[in-house]
């Protein structure tokens, strides 16, 4: 009985978010990082969609030949982008990138402006309402893993490069007062 009373008191004193307020996620101090850049997102999506093939994903084909190129673009996605050209042009990385950006500009302009990487990735995968569909969460998790891995690699490379930098030569001490100087 005494244990039950203590448990109820502890529960009453615990911080509980007000109804309607989202609970704050637990974040360790080392986990706070800068927001993602659009280029980082596009690189991560390309890597998830076409495995980061050495040819830039030009030869990547998926969904039984319906999705092509580095971003695995289907014909309706390409048509919705309104980018002049042919669907087959989506095999070229720069053209395919323009198609993705135009698609986002049409269907997720607020997410694009805010660089909401989760919404953008999910719209890419699931269409105009992809950010609201549970079926796009698995794709987002893959993109998120790739974003984190790529950033970690860049940070490790930068740290390694910083260690390899030559140290500046020590500055010679000025001559002591009253002592002879080689310049006089």
Protein backbone atom coordinates (compact mmCIF):
# COMPACT_ATOMS: atom_id res chain seq x y z
CA UNK A 1 0.00 0.00 0.00
CA UNK A 2 2.79 2.39 0.98
CA UNK A 3 4.60 1.66 -2.32
CA UNK A 4 1.45 2.39 -4.31
CA UNK A 5 1.02 5.75 -2.57
CA UNK A 6 4.66 6.67 -3.30
CA UNK A 7 4.19 5.71 -6.95
CA UNK A 8 1.09 7.91 -7.22
CA UNK A 9 2.90 10.86 -5.61
CA UNK A 10 5.86 10.43 -7.99
CA UNK A 11 3.51 10.29 -10.96
CA UNK A 12 1.70 13.44 -9.82
CA UNK A 13 4.99 15.33 -9.46
CA UNK A 14 6.38 14.16 -12.81
CA UNK A 15 6.55 16.68 -15.67
CA UNK A 16 3.72 15.89 -18.04
CA UNK A 17 3.27 17.96 -21.20
CA UNK A 18 0.12 20.06 -21.37
CA UNK A 19 -2.51 18.57 -23.67
CA UNK A 20 -1.78 19.64 -27.23
CA UNK A 21 1.89 20.39 -26.51
CA UNK A 22 4.17 17.89 -28.17
CA UNK A 23 6.51 16.12 -25.83
CA UNK A 24 10.04 17.35 -26.32
CA UNK A 25 12.28 14.69 -27.82
CA UNK A 26 15.24 13.65 -25.73
CA UNK A 27 18.34 15.18 -27.30
CA UNK A 28 21.82 14.63 -26.01
CA UNK A 29 24.03 17.74 -26.22
CA UNK A 30 26.30 16.12 -28.82
CA UNK A 31 23.35 15.28 -31.09
CA UNK A 32 22.31 18.83 -31.91
CA UNK A 33 23.49 19.58 -35.41
CA UNK A 34 22.99 22.14 -38.12
CA UNK A 35 20.04 21.72 -40.47
CA UNK A 36 20.44 19.72 -43.64
CA UNK A 37 21.18 21.45 -46.94
CA UNK A 38 19.21 20.72 -50.09
CA UNK A 39 22.33 19.31 -51.79
CA UNK A 40 22.81 16.88 -48.90
CA UNK A 41 19.23 15.69 -49.29
CA UNK A 42 19.50 15.26 -53.05
CA UNK A 43 22.74 13.28 -52.63
CA UNK A 44 21.14 11.06 -50.00
CA UNK A 45 18.05 10.39 -52.14
CA UNK A 46 20.24 9.58 -55.15
CA UNK A 47 22.27 7.16 -53.05
CA UNK A 48 19.15 5.45 -51.69
CA UNK A 49 17.42 5.32 -55.08
CA UNK A 50 20.32 4.18 -57.24
CA UNK A 51 22.95 3.01 -54.79
CA UNK A 52 25.38 5.80 -55.64
CA UNK A 53 26.52 4.03 -58.81
CA UNK A 54 29.80 5.25 -60.30
CA UNK A 55 28.07 6.32 -63.51
CA UNK A 56 25.98 8.74 -61.45
CA UNK A 57 23.00 6.41 -61.65
CA UNK A 58 22.52 6.92 -65.40
CA UNK A 59 21.91 3.21 -66.02
CA UNK A 60 19.78 2.63 -62.90
CA UNK A 61 16.40 1.09 -63.66
CA UNK A 62 13.73 0.08 -61.17
CA UNK A 63 10.10 -0.91 -60.83
CA UNK A 64 10.26 -3.20 -63.85
CA UNK A 65 11.75 -0.51 -66.09
CA UNK A 66 9.25 2.21 -65.10
CA UNK A 67 11.67 4.20 -62.92
CA UNK A 68 14.95 5.43 -64.40
CA UNK A 69 18.07 7.36 -63.55
CA UNK A 70 19.78 8.43 -60.36
CA UNK A 71 16.51 9.47 -58.65
CA UNK A 72 14.39 6.61 -60.08
CA UNK A 73 11.91 8.94 -61.76
CA UNK A 74 8.66 7.50 -63.15
CA UNK A 75 7.04 9.01 -66.25
CA UNK A 76 4.08 10.62 -64.34
CA UNK A 77 6.53 12.27 -61.90
CA UNK A 78 8.54 13.62 -64.83
CA UNK A 79 5.36 14.85 -66.57
CA UNK A 80 4.21 16.59 -63.37
CA UNK A 81 7.54 18.41 -63.13
CA UNK A 82 6.79 20.21 -66.43
CA UNK A 83 10.51 20.24 -67.31
CA UNK A 84 10.93 20.22 -71.12
CA UNK A 85 12.64 17.19 -72.58
CA UNK A 86 12.02 13.45 -72.67
CA UNK A 87 11.49 11.01 -69.83
CA UNK A 88 14.68 9.27 -70.92
CA UNK A 89 16.58 12.51 -70.09
CA UNK A 90 16.00 11.62 -66.43
CA UNK A 91 19.02 9.33 -66.76
CA UNK A 92 21.27 12.42 -66.73
CA UNK A 93 22.02 13.47 -63.13
CA UNK A 94 21.70 17.24 -63.66
CA UNK A 95 18.48 16.95 -65.66
CA UNK A 96 17.01 14.52 -63.12
CA UNK A 97 17.94 16.91 -60.33
CA UNK A 98 16.04 19.73 -62.08
CA UNK A 99 13.03 17.43 -62.43
CA UNK A 100 13.05 16.63 -58.70
CA UNK A 101 13.37 20.30 -57.74
CA UNK A 102 10.54 21.30 -60.10
CA UNK A 103 8.33 18.52 -58.71
CA UNK A 104 8.96 19.73 -55.16
CA UNK A 105 8.35 23.33 -56.19
CA UNK A 106 4.97 22.29 -57.56
CA UNK A 107 3.82 19.91 -54.83
CA UNK A 108 5.77 20.88 -51.69
CA UNK A 109 6.75 24.57 -52.03
CA UNK A 110 6.64 25.28 -48.29
CA UNK A 111 8.74 22.21 -47.51
CA UNK A 112 11.18 23.21 -50.24
CA UNK A 113 11.48 26.75 -48.91
CA UNK A 114 12.01 25.47 -45.36
CA UNK A 115 14.26 22.60 -46.55
CA UNK A 116 12.06 20.16 -44.63
CA UNK A 117 14.10 17.14 -45.66
CA UNK A 118 11.69 14.57 -44.28
CA UNK A 119 8.67 15.97 -46.13
CA UNK A 120 10.64 16.41 -49.35
CA UNK A 121 11.99 12.87 -49.28
CA UNK A 122 8.55 11.46 -48.59
CA UNK A 123 6.93 13.51 -51.39
CA UNK A 124 9.64 12.27 -53.75
CA UNK A 125 8.83 8.70 -52.79
CA UNK A 126 5.05 8.85 -52.40
CA UNK A 127 3.81 11.62 -54.64
CA UNK A 128 2.13 14.92 -53.77
CA UNK A 129 0.66 13.55 -50.50
CA UNK A 130 3.67 11.38 -49.70
CA UNK A 131 4.55 13.37 -46.58
CA UNK A 132 1.24 12.25 -45.04
CA UNK A 133 1.46 8.58 -46.03
CA UNK A 134 2.80 6.01 -43.58
CA UNK A 135 4.12 3.93 -46.47
CA UNK A 136 6.83 6.56 -47.14
CA UNK A 137 8.33 6.38 -43.63
CA UNK A 138 10.61 3.45 -44.49
CA UNK A 139 12.03 5.39 -47.44
CA UNK A 140 12.54 8.45 -45.20
CA UNK A 141 14.43 6.35 -42.64
CA UNK A 142 16.80 5.13 -45.37
CA UNK A 143 17.37 8.71 -46.56
CA UNK A 144 17.88 9.90 -42.98
CA UNK A 145 20.46 7.15 -42.36
CA UNK A 146 22.28 8.18 -45.53
CA UNK A 147 22.18 11.87 -44.55
CA UNK A 148 23.70 11.07 -41.15
CA UNK A 149 26.34 8.72 -42.58
CA UNK A 150 27.41 11.23 -45.22
CA UNK A 151 27.67 14.06 -42.69
CA UNK A 152 29.63 11.87 -40.28
CA UNK A 153 32.05 10.94 -43.07
CA UNK A 154 32.52 14.60 -44.04
CA UNK A 155 33.19 15.52 -40.41
CA UNK A 156 35.69 12.67 -40.03
CA UNK A 157 37.43 13.68 -43.27
CA UNK A 158 37.61 17.30 -42.10
CA UNK A 159 39.05 16.25 -38.73
CA UNK A 160 41.62 14.04 -40.46
CA UNK A 161 42.59 16.88 -42.82
CA UNK A 162 42.92 19.24 -39.84
CA UNK A 163 45.29 16.78 -38.10
CA UNK A 164 47.39 16.50 -41.25
CA UNK A 165 47.87 20.27 -41.57
CA UNK A 166 51.47 21.31 -40.93
CA UNK A 167 51.94 23.10 -37.65
CA UNK A 168 53.16 26.70 -37.93
CA UNK A 169 56.83 27.25 -37.08
CA UNK A 170 57.39 28.71 -33.62
CA UNK A 171 57.98 32.45 -33.53
CA UNK A 172 61.51 33.23 -32.30
CA UNK A 173 61.70 35.06 -28.98
CA UNK A 174 62.78 38.72 -29.16
CA UNK A 175 66.33 39.48 -28.01
CA UNK A 176 66.78 40.26 -24.34
CA UNK A 177 67.13 43.91 -23.40
CA UNK A 178 70.75 45.00 -23.40
CA UNK A 179 71.78 41.91 -25.32
CA UNK A 180 73.39 41.96 -28.74
CA UNK A 181 71.14 41.70 -31.73
CA UNK A 182 72.19 40.34 -35.08
CA UNK A 183 70.49 43.31 -36.76
CA UNK A 184 72.50 46.08 -35.06
